[in-house]
Amino acid sequence: MYRYALKIEYHGEPFHGWQRQNDVPSVQGVIEAALAKIEPRDHNIAAAGRTDKGVHAMAQVAHCDMERDWTPFRLSEALNYHMKPHPVAIVDCAQVDETFHARFSAQERRYFFRILMRRAPATHQAGLVWNVKKPLDLDAMREGASHLLGKHDFTTFRSTICQSITPVKTVDRLDMALVDTPAGPEVHFDVRARSFLHNQVRSFVGTLERVGAGSLRPEDVKTMLEARDRQACGPVSPPHGLYLSHVGYLVDPFAA
């Protein structure tokens, strides 16, 4: 068998998340169906992260095992052909050693989140941003976010159905930037960690949006974190502004 790493971009709106499920569309299901077109058999691919329903990806990474020794270009071209018209694309492909695992070899995951601030509803960006009607106070949001950096018990910001063994994670980066776009001003989040809890990033963003709107004080974030109680969390943001933007490895499989 020959192993390949796949860098995958997808629009999450039509899917019930990454993970294959019975009777509902998933990103994993679309890719595995395309693999079965070119090598007819059951396929079971592994990904770096299991994104939720409606969440997008710029650079999800998965790996697959093939019986044929494909050139990476031909494999990616064949998959992209057979995945039409689904909004999923293989943007890079590389043959890797059998010890490479998209999930367990990953050293860092990065998520990107977009909040569009304007009263008018999003049109061209609908499904790609969280549209809030009022401007947000970024200084207050940054002050609140500072309490979430580092190693903590993130029970408050963890979904009740999270399957992680421990709620203790280390957040390496939680940055925000104000960006002017043709559609209006956006707040862009860049959140980085080795791994995340289920709904952790959306819980962060939803809580910090309330800080930016003035409903919460920056110091309330610290109180919420220390409560270690899911009931203390602010609202969870909608999924459609969230993107898996990068997965980092000790050796980048796509560097060549």
C-alpha atoms as a PDB file:
ATOM      1  CA  MET A   1       0.000   0.000   0.000  1.00  0.00           C
ATOM      2  CA  TYR A   2       1.074   3.566  -0.721  1.00  0.00           C
ATOM      3  CA  ARG A   3       0.176   6.398   1.662  1.00  0.00           C
ATOM      4  CA  TYR A   4      -0.735   9.916   0.548  1.00  0.00           C
ATOM      5  CA  ALA A   5      -1.271  13.121   2.479  1.00  0.00           C
ATOM      6  CA  LEU A   6      -4.099  15.294   1.149  1.00  0.00           C
ATOM      7  CA  LYS A   7      -4.518  19.017   1.794  1.00  0.00           C
ATOM      8  CA  ILE A   8      -8.230  19.727   1.515  1.00  0.00           C
ATOM      9  CA  GLU A   9     -10.326  22.838   1.122  1.00  0.00           C
ATOM     10  CA  TYR A  10     -14.103  22.750   1.591  1.00  0.00           C
ATOM     11  CA  HIS A  11     -17.188  24.865   2.105  1.00  0.00           C
ATOM     12  CA  GLY A  12     -18.863  23.331   5.142  1.00  0.00           C
ATOM     13  CA  GLU A  13     -22.422  24.578   4.633  1.00  0.00           C
ATOM     14  CA  PRO A  14     -23.810  21.528   2.747  1.00  0.00           C
ATOM     15  CA  PHE A  15     -22.238  19.015   5.122  1.00  0.00           C
ATOM     16  CA  HIS A  16     -23.026  17.597   8.543  1.00  0.00           C
ATOM     17  CA  GLY A  17     -19.371  17.972   9.438  1.00  0.00           C
ATOM     18  CA  TRP A  18     -16.215  16.157   8.420  1.00  0.00           C
ATOM     19  CA  GLN A  19     -16.994  12.719   9.825  1.00  0.00           C
ATOM     20  CA  ARG A  20     -18.800  10.105   7.753  1.00  0.00           C
ATOM     21  CA  GLN A  21     -22.369   9.516   8.972  1.00  0.00           C
ATOM     22  CA  ASN A  22     -25.256   7.417   7.786  1.00  0.00           C
ATOM     23  CA  ASP A  23     -27.811   9.105   5.510  1.00  0.00           C
ATOM     24  CA  VAL A  24     -26.353  12.639   5.748  1.00  0.00           C
ATOM     25  CA  PRO A  25     -23.641  14.272   3.608  1.00  0.00           C
ATOM     26  CA  SER A  26     -20.147  14.604   5.059  1.00  0.00           C
ATOM     27  CA  VAL A  27     -16.796  15.733   3.704  1.00  0.00           C
ATOM     28  CA  GLN A  28     -15.187  12.411   4.562  1.00  0.00           C
ATOM     29  CA  GLY A  29     -17.978  10.589   2.740  1.00  0.00           C
ATOM     30  CA  VAL A  30     -17.483  12.647  -0.424  1.00  0.00           C
ATOM     31  CA  ILE A  31     -13.727  11.988  -0.527  1.00  0.00           C
ATOM     32  CA  GLU A  32     -14.081   8.280   0.230  1.00  0.00           C
ATOM     33  CA  ALA A  33     -16.697   7.928  -2.514  1.00  0.00           C
ATOM     34  CA  ALA A  34     -14.278   9.570  -4.959  1.00  0.00           C
ATOM     35  CA  LEU A  35     -11.491   7.217  -3.849  1.00  0.00           C
ATOM     36  CA  ALA A  36     -13.790   4.265  -4.485  1.00  0.00           C
ATOM     37  CA  LYS A  37     -14.291   5.490  -8.053  1.00  0.00           C
ATOM     38  CA  ILE A  38     -10.592   5.224  -8.813  1.00  0.00           C
ATOM     39  CA  GLU A  39      -9.834   2.159  -6.653  1.00  0.00           C
ATOM     40  CA  PRO A  40     -13.115   0.247  -6.201  1.00  0.00           C
ATOM     41  CA  ARG A  41     -13.173  -0.930  -2.577  1.00  0.00           C
ATOM     42  CA  ASP A  42     -13.963   0.440   0.869  1.00  0.00           C
ATOM     43  CA  HIS A  43     -11.815   3.383   1.920  1.00  0.00           C
ATOM     44  CA  ASN A  44     -11.349   4.808   5.419  1.00  0.00           C
ATOM     45  CA  ILE A  45      -9.360   8.029   5.530  1.00  0.00           C
ATOM     46  CA  ALA A  46      -8.103   9.796   8.669  1.00  0.00           C
ATOM     47  CA  ALA A  47      -8.086  13.574   9.145  1.00  0.00           C
ATOM     48  CA  ALA A  48      -6.258  16.016  11.389  1.00  0.00           C
ATOM     49  CA  GLY A  49      -9.513  17.409  12.788  1.00  0.00           C
ATOM     50  CA  ARG A  50     -13.203  16.557  12.772  1.00  0.00           C
ATOM     51  CA  THR A  51     -14.869  19.842  11.901  1.00  0.00           C
ATOM     52  CA  ASP A  52     -18.517  20.338  12.884  1.00  0.00           C
ATOM     53  CA  LYS A  53     -21.559  20.884  10.704  1.00  0.00           C
ATOM     54  CA  GLY A  54     -21.185  24.124   8.745  1.00  0.00           C
ATOM     55  CA  VAL A  55     -17.492  24.651   9.574  1.00  0.00           C
ATOM     56  CA  HIS A  56     -15.153  25.271   6.640  1.00  0.00           C
ATOM     57  CA  ALA A  57     -11.545  24.351   5.895  1.00  0.00           C
ATOM     58  CA  MET A  58      -8.773  26.083   4.012  1.00  0.00           C
ATOM     59  CA  ALA A  59      -6.183  23.399   4.731  1.00  0.00           C
ATOM     60  CA  GLN A  60      -7.593  20.278   6.361  1.00  0.00           C
ATOM     61  CA  VAL A  61      -5.122  17.392   6.160  1.00  0.00           C
ATOM     62  CA  ALA A  62      -6.064  13.744   5.726  1.00  0.00           C
ATOM     63  CA  HIS A  63      -4.238  10.642   4.611  1.00  0.00           C
ATOM     64  CA  CYS A  64      -5.321   7.698   2.486  1.00  0.00           C
ATOM     65  CA  ASP A  65      -3.759   4.348   1.574  1.00  0.00           C
ATOM     66  CA  MET A  66      -3.801   3.287  -2.074  1.00  0.00           C
ATOM     67  CA  GLU A  67      -2.985  -0.017  -3.777  1.00  0.00           C
ATOM     68  CA  ARG A  68      -1.637   1.716  -6.873  1.00  0.00           C
ATOM     69  CA  ASP A  69       1.503   3.844  -6.902  1.00  0.00           C
ATOM     70  CA  TRP A  70      -0.110   7.104  -8.014  1.00  0.00           C
ATOM     71  CA  THR A  71       1.768  10.261  -8.820  1.00  0.00           C
ATOM     72  CA  PRO A  72       0.403  12.876  -6.397  1.00  0.00           C
ATOM     73  CA  PHE A  73      -0.697  15.129  -9.267  1.00  0.00           C
ATOM     74  CA  ARG A  74      -2.715  12.374 -10.956  1.00  0.00           C
ATOM     75  CA  LEU A  75      -4.306  11.313  -7.672  1.00  0.00           C
ATOM     76  CA  SER A  76      -5.403  14.858  -6.795  1.00  0.00           C
ATOM     77  CA  GLU A  77      -6.708  15.444 -10.322  1.00  0.00           C
ATOM     78  CA  ALA A  78      -8.709  12.205 -10.257  1.00  0.00           C
ATOM     79  CA  LEU A  79     -10.207  12.980  -6.852  1.00  0.00           C
ATOM     80  CA  ASN A  80     -11.163  16.532  -7.834  1.00  0.00           C
ATOM     81  CA  TYR A  81     -12.857  15.206 -10.968  1.00  0.00           C
ATOM     82  CA  HIS A  82     -14.918  12.627  -9.084  1.00  0.00           C
ATOM     83  CA  MET A  83     -15.883  15.010  -6.250  1.00  0.00           C
ATOM     84  CA  LYS A  84     -17.734  17.381  -8.573  1.00  0.00           C
ATOM     85  CA  PRO A  85     -20.062  19.208  -7.924  1.00  0.00           C
ATOM     86  CA  HIS A  86     -19.420  19.071  -4.164  1.00  0.00           C
ATOM     87  CA  PRO A  87     -17.588  22.126  -2.730  1.00  0.00           C
ATOM     88  CA  VAL A  88     -14.521  20.061  -1.795  1.00  0.00           C
ATOM     89  CA  ALA A  89     -11.090  20.304  -3.418  1.00  0.00           C
ATOM     90  CA  ILE A  90      -7.727  18.625  -3.000  1.00  0.00           C
ATOM     91  CA  VAL A  91      -5.355  21.593  -3.177  1.00  0.00           C
ATOM     92  CA  ASP A  92      -2.169  19.599  -2.563  1.00  0.00           C
ATOM     93  CA  CYS A  93      -1.137  15.958  -2.425  1.00  0.00           C
ATOM     94  CA  ALA A  94       2.084  14.219  -1.414  1.00  0.00           C
ATOM     95  CA  GLN A  95       3.261  10.640  -1.074  1.00  0.00           C
ATOM     96  CA  VAL A  96       4.366  10.061   2.531  1.00  0.00           C
ATOM     97  CA  ASP A  97       5.946   7.402   4.670  1.00  0.00           C
ATOM     98  CA  GLU A  98       3.596   4.845   6.221  1.00  0.00           C
ATOM     99  CA  THR A  99       4.420   6.249   9.666  1.00  0.00           C
ATOM    100  CA  PHE A 100       2.740   9.560   8.780  1.00  0.00           C
ATOM    101  CA  HIS A 101      -0.691   9.976  10.370  1.00  0.00           C
ATOM    102  CA  ALA A 102      -2.758  13.066   9.604  1.00  0.00           C
ATOM    103  CA  ARG A 103      -4.135  13.233  13.141  1.00  0.00           C
ATOM    104  CA  PHE A 104      -1.497  11.762  15.424  1.00  0.00           C
ATOM    105  CA  SER A 105       1.517  13.300  13.671  1.00  0.00           C
ATOM    106  CA  ALA A 106       0.071  16.827  13.870  1.00  0.00           C
ATOM    107  CA  GLN A 107       1.950  19.276  16.102  1.00  0.00           C
ATOM    108  CA  GLU A 108      -0.291  22.324  15.682  1.00  0.00           C
ATOM    109  CA  ARG A 109      -3.764  23.224  14.501  1.00  0.00           C
ATOM    110  CA  ARG A 110      -4.875  26.719  13.574  1.00  0.00           C
ATOM    111  CA  TYR A 111      -8.393  28.047  13.278  1.00  0.00           C
ATOM    112  CA  PHE A 112      -9.503  31.239  11.594  1.00  0.00           C
ATOM    113  CA  PHE A 113     -12.802  33.000  12.383  1.00  0.00           C
ATOM    114  CA  ARG A 114     -14.509  35.906  10.596  1.00  0.00           C
ATOM    115  CA  ILE A 115     -17.033  38.317  12.107  1.00  0.00           C
ATOM    116  CA  LEU A 116     -18.574  40.817   9.684  1.00  0.00           C
ATOM    117  CA  MET A 117     -19.785  43.966  11.458  1.00  0.00           C
ATOM    118  CA  ARG A 118     -22.655  45.642   9.587  1.00  0.00           C
ATOM    119  CA  ARG A 119     -26.407  46.058  10.040  1.00  0.00           C
ATOM    120  CA  ALA A 120     -27.270  44.822   6.557  1.00  0.00           C
ATOM    121  CA  PRO A 121     -27.326  41.029   6.221  1.00  0.00           C
ATOM    122  CA  ALA A 122     -24.411  39.386   4.443  1.00  0.00           C
ATOM    123  CA  THR A 123     -25.110  38.476   0.835  1.00  0.00           C
ATOM    124  CA  HIS A 124     -21.941  37.485  -1.037  1.00  0.00           C
ATOM    125  CA  GLN A 125     -20.383  36.370   2.271  1.00  0.00           C
ATOM    126  CA  ALA A 126     -23.492  34.587   3.546  1.00  0.00           C
ATOM    127  CA  GLY A 127     -22.509  31.286   5.118  1.00  0.00           C
ATOM    128  CA  LEU A 128     -18.864  32.362   5.310  1.00  0.00           C
ATOM    129  CA  VAL A 129     -18.977  34.949   8.122  1.00  0.00           C
ATOM    130  CA  TRP A 130     -20.799  35.597  11.372  1.00  0.00           C
ATOM    131  CA  ASN A 131     -22.761  38.778  10.693  1.00  0.00           C
ATOM    132  CA  VAL A 132     -23.190  41.001  13.783  1.00  0.00           C
ATOM    133  CA  LYS A 133     -25.023  44.327  13.573  1.00  0.00           C
ATOM    134  CA  LYS A 134     -22.926  46.548  15.845  1.00  0.00           C
ATOM    135  CA  PRO A 135     -19.218  47.448  16.002  1.00  0.00           C
ATOM    136  CA  LEU A 136     -17.164  45.530  18.558  1.00  0.00           C
ATOM    137  CA  ASP A 137     -14.558  46.881  20.980  1.00  0.00           C
ATOM    138  CA  LEU A 138     -11.392  45.024  19.959  1.00  0.00           C
ATOM    139  CA  ASP A 139      -9.322  46.350  22.853  1.00  0.00           C
ATOM    140  CA  ALA A 140     -11.791  44.866  25.321  1.00  0.00           C
ATOM    141  CA  MET A 141     -11.875  41.587  23.378  1.00  0.00           C
ATOM    142  CA  ARG A 142      -8.083  41.364  23.388  1.00  0.00           C
ATOM    143  CA  GLU A 143      -8.008  41.969  27.131  1.00  0.00           C
ATOM    144  CA  GLY A 144     -10.560  39.224  27.648  1.00  0.00           C
ATOM    145  CA  ALA A 145      -8.667  36.858  25.310  1.00  0.00           C
ATOM    146  CA  SER A 146      -5.459  37.310  27.307  1.00  0.00           C
ATOM    147  CA  HIS A 147      -6.990  35.206  30.107  1.00  0.00           C
ATOM    148  CA  LEU A 148      -7.383  32.258  27.698  1.00  0.00           C
ATOM    149  CA  LEU A 149      -3.746  32.024  26.634  1.00  0.00           C
ATOM    150  CA  GLY A 150      -1.539  29.278  28.018  1.00  0.00           C
ATOM    151  CA  LYS A 151      -2.300  26.000  29.724  1.00  0.00           C
ATOM    152  CA  HIS A 152      -5.662  25.783  31.516  1.00  0.00           C
ATOM    153  CA  ASP A 153      -8.554  23.540  32.388  1.00  0.00           C
ATOM    154  CA  PHE A 154     -11.014  24.661  29.685  1.00  0.00           C
ATOM    155  CA  THR A 155     -14.091  22.818  31.006  1.00  0.00           C
ATOM    156  CA  THR A 156     -16.106  26.060  30.736  1.00  0.00           C
ATOM    157  CA  PHE A 157     -15.335  26.307  27.017  1.00  0.00           C
ATOM    158  CA  ARG A 158     -15.842  22.634  26.242  1.00  0.00           C
ATOM    159  CA  SER A 159     -18.948  21.036  24.740  1.00  0.00           C
ATOM    160  CA  THR A 160     -20.774  18.621  27.036  1.00  0.00           C
ATOM    161  CA  ILE A 161     -20.406  15.938  24.338  1.00  0.00           C
ATOM    162  CA  CYS A 162     -16.640  16.455  23.986  1.00  0.00           C
ATOM    163  CA  GLN A 163     -14.821  13.111  23.961  1.00  0.00           C
ATOM    164  CA  SER A 164     -11.363  14.411  24.880  1.00  0.00           C
ATOM    165  CA  ILE A 165      -9.768  12.546  27.770  1.00  0.00           C
ATOM    166  CA  THR A 166      -8.842  15.783  29.547  1.00  0.00           C
ATOM    167  CA  PRO A 167     -10.134  19.385  29.456  1.00  0.00           C
ATOM    168  CA  VAL A 168      -6.581  20.677  29.960  1.00  0.00           C
ATOM    169  CA  LYS A 169      -5.192  22.265  26.794  1.00  0.00           C
ATOM    170  CA  THR A 170      -2.576  24.872  25.926  1.00  0.00           C
ATOM    171  CA  VAL A 171      -3.621  27.801  23.732  1.00  0.00           C
ATOM    172  CA  ASP A 172      -0.508  29.202  22.081  1.00  0.00           C
ATOM    173  CA  ARG A 173      -2.093  32.118  20.263  1.00  0.00           C
ATOM    174  CA  LEU A 174      -5.415  33.974  20.232  1.00  0.00           C
ATOM    175  CA  ASP A 175      -5.044  37.072  18.075  1.00  0.00           C
ATOM    176  CA  MET A 176      -7.637  39.447  16.637  1.00  0.00           C
ATOM    177  CA  ALA A 177      -7.310  41.958  13.809  1.00  0.00           C
ATOM    178  CA  LEU A 178      -9.666  44.530  12.336  1.00  0.00           C
ATOM    179  CA  VAL A 179      -9.750  44.171   8.556  1.00  0.00           C
ATOM    180  CA  ASP A 180     -11.510  46.448   6.070  1.00  0.00           C
ATOM    181  CA  THR A 181     -13.233  44.474   3.314  1.00  0.00           C
ATOM    182  CA  PRO A 182     -15.472  45.563   0.420  1.00  0.00           C
ATOM    183  CA  ALA A 183     -18.444  44.162   2.343  1.00  0.00           C
ATOM    184  CA  GLY A 184     -17.580  45.996   5.557  1.00  0.00           C
ATOM    185  CA  PRO A 185     -15.230  45.772   8.544  1.00  0.00           C
ATOM    186  CA  GLU A 186     -14.411  42.285   9.804  1.00  0.00           C
ATOM    187  CA  VAL A 187     -12.789  40.955  12.955  1.00  0.00           C
ATOM    188  CA  HIS A 188     -10.429  38.103  12.125  1.00  0.00           C
ATOM    189  CA  PHE A 189      -9.415  35.617  14.813  1.00  0.00           C
ATOM    190  CA  ASP A 190      -6.275  33.460  14.656  1.00  0.00           C
ATOM    191  CA  VAL A 191      -6.321  30.693  17.276  1.00  0.00           C
ATOM    192  CA  ARG A 192      -3.497  28.169  17.577  1.00  0.00           C
ATOM    193  CA  ALA A 193      -2.901  25.105  19.756  1.00  0.00           C
ATOM    194  CA  ARG A 194      -1.613  21.571  19.443  1.00  0.00           C
ATOM    195  CA  SER A 195      -5.186  20.330  19.829  1.00  0.00           C
ATOM    196  CA  PHE A 196      -8.617  21.661  20.754  1.00  0.00           C
ATOM    197  CA  LEU A 197     -11.683  20.565  22.666  1.00  0.00           C
ATOM    198  CA  HIS A 198     -15.026  20.187  20.933  1.00  0.00           C
ATOM    199  CA  ASN A 199     -16.568  23.666  20.405  1.00  0.00           C
ATOM    200  CA  GLN A 200     -13.619  25.342  22.149  1.00  0.00           C
ATOM    201  CA  VAL A 201     -12.927  27.953  19.452  1.00  0.00           C
ATOM    202  CA  ARG A 202     -16.612  28.744  18.910  1.00  0.00           C
ATOM    203  CA  SER A 203     -17.054  29.093  22.675  1.00  0.00           C
ATOM    204  CA  PHE A 204     -14.107  31.504  22.786  1.00  0.00           C
ATOM    205  CA  VAL A 205     -15.449  33.590  19.912  1.00  0.00           C
ATOM    206  CA  GLY A 206     -19.015  33.702  21.201  1.00  0.00           C
ATOM    207  CA  THR A 207     -17.846  34.810  24.631  1.00  0.00           C
ATOM    208  CA  LEU A 208     -15.412  37.415  23.294  1.00  0.00           C
ATOM    209  CA  GLU A 209     -18.078  38.820  20.975  1.00  0.00           C
ATOM    210  CA  ARG A 210     -20.174  39.523  24.071  1.00  0.00           C
ATOM    211  CA  VAL A 211     -17.162  41.292  25.604  1.00  0.00           C
ATOM    212  CA  GLY A 212     -16.775  43.383  22.447  1.00  0.00           C
ATOM    213  CA  ALA A 213     -20.485  44.231  22.508  1.00  0.00           C
ATOM    214  CA  GLY A 214     -20.264  45.379  26.145  1.00  0.00           C
ATOM    215  CA  SER A 215     -22.456  42.640  27.629  1.00  0.00           C
ATOM    216  CA  LEU A 216     -19.466  41.145  29.463  1.00  0.00           C
ATOM    217  CA  ARG A 217     -16.372  42.741  30.994  1.00  0.00           C
ATOM    218  CA  PRO A 218     -12.913  41.481  29.990  1.00  0.00           C
ATOM    219  CA  GLU A 219     -12.303  40.252  33.548  1.00  0.00           C
ATOM    220  CA  ASP A 220     -15.481  38.154  33.331  1.00  0.00           C
ATOM    221  CA  VAL A 221     -13.616  35.826  30.957  1.00  0.00           C
ATOM    222  CA  LYS A 222     -11.143  34.996  33.736  1.00  0.00           C
ATOM    223  CA  THR A 223     -14.005  34.329  36.158  1.00  0.00           C
ATOM    224  CA  MET A 224     -15.708  32.075  33.617  1.00  0.00           C
ATOM    225  CA  LEU A 225     -12.506  30.140  32.947  1.00  0.00           C
ATOM    226  CA  GLU A 226     -11.833  29.600  36.648  1.00  0.00           C
ATOM    227  CA  ALA A 227     -15.392  28.368  37.214  1.00  0.00           C
ATOM    228  CA  ARG A 228     -14.614  25.200  35.234  1.00  0.00           C
ATOM    229  CA  ASP A 229     -18.322  24.921  34.573  1.00  0.00           C
ATOM    230  CA  ARG A 230     -19.916  24.737  31.126  1.00  0.00           C
ATOM    231  CA  GLN A 231     -22.910  26.683  32.435  1.00  0.00           C
ATOM    232  CA  ALA A 232     -20.602  29.667  32.988  1.00  0.00           C
ATOM    233  CA  CYS A 233     -19.707  29.912  29.289  1.00  0.00           C
ATOM    234  CA  GLY A 234     -20.999  32.701  27.092  1.00  0.00           C
ATOM    235  CA  PRO A 235     -22.961  31.933  23.920  1.00  0.00           C
ATOM    236  CA  VAL A 236     -21.361  29.661  21.329  1.00  0.00           C
ATOM    237  CA  SER A 237     -20.783  31.360  17.992  1.00  0.00           C
ATOM    238  CA  PRO A 238     -22.420  29.964  14.848  1.00  0.00           C
ATOM    239  CA  PRO A 239     -20.233  27.600  12.806  1.00  0.00           C
ATOM    240  CA  HIS A 240     -20.235  29.421   9.502  1.00  0.00           C
ATOM    241  CA  GLY A 241     -17.485  31.921  10.371  1.00  0.00           C
ATOM    242  CA  LEU A 242     -15.019  29.196  11.387  1.00  0.00           C
ATOM    243  CA  TYR A 243     -12.266  27.701   9.213  1.00  0.00           C
ATOM    244  CA  LEU A 244      -9.601  25.079   9.892  1.00  0.00           C
ATOM    245  CA  SER A 245      -6.762  27.096   8.373  1.00  0.00           C
ATOM    246  CA  HIS A 246      -3.556  25.128   8.974  1.00  0.00           C
ATOM    247  CA  VAL A 247      -2.211  21.865  10.363  1.00  0.00           C
ATOM    248  CA  GLY A 248       1.464  21.829  11.290  1.00  0.00           C
ATOM    249  CA  TYR A 249       3.849  18.842  11.314  1.00  0.00           C
ATOM    250  CA  LEU A 250       7.486  18.430  12.346  1.00  0.00           C
ATOM    251  CA  VAL A 251       8.195  17.776   8.681  1.00  0.00           C
ATOM    252  CA  ASP A 252       5.773  19.456   6.289  1.00  0.00           C
ATOM    253  CA  PRO A 253       4.565  16.693   3.925  1.00  0.00           C
ATOM    254  CA  PHE A 254       3.753  19.297   1.259  1.00  0.00           C
ATOM    255  CA  ALA A 255       7.031  21.235   1.436  1.00  0.00           C
ATOM    256  CA  ALA A 256       8.395  19.736  -1.770  1.00  0.00           C
END
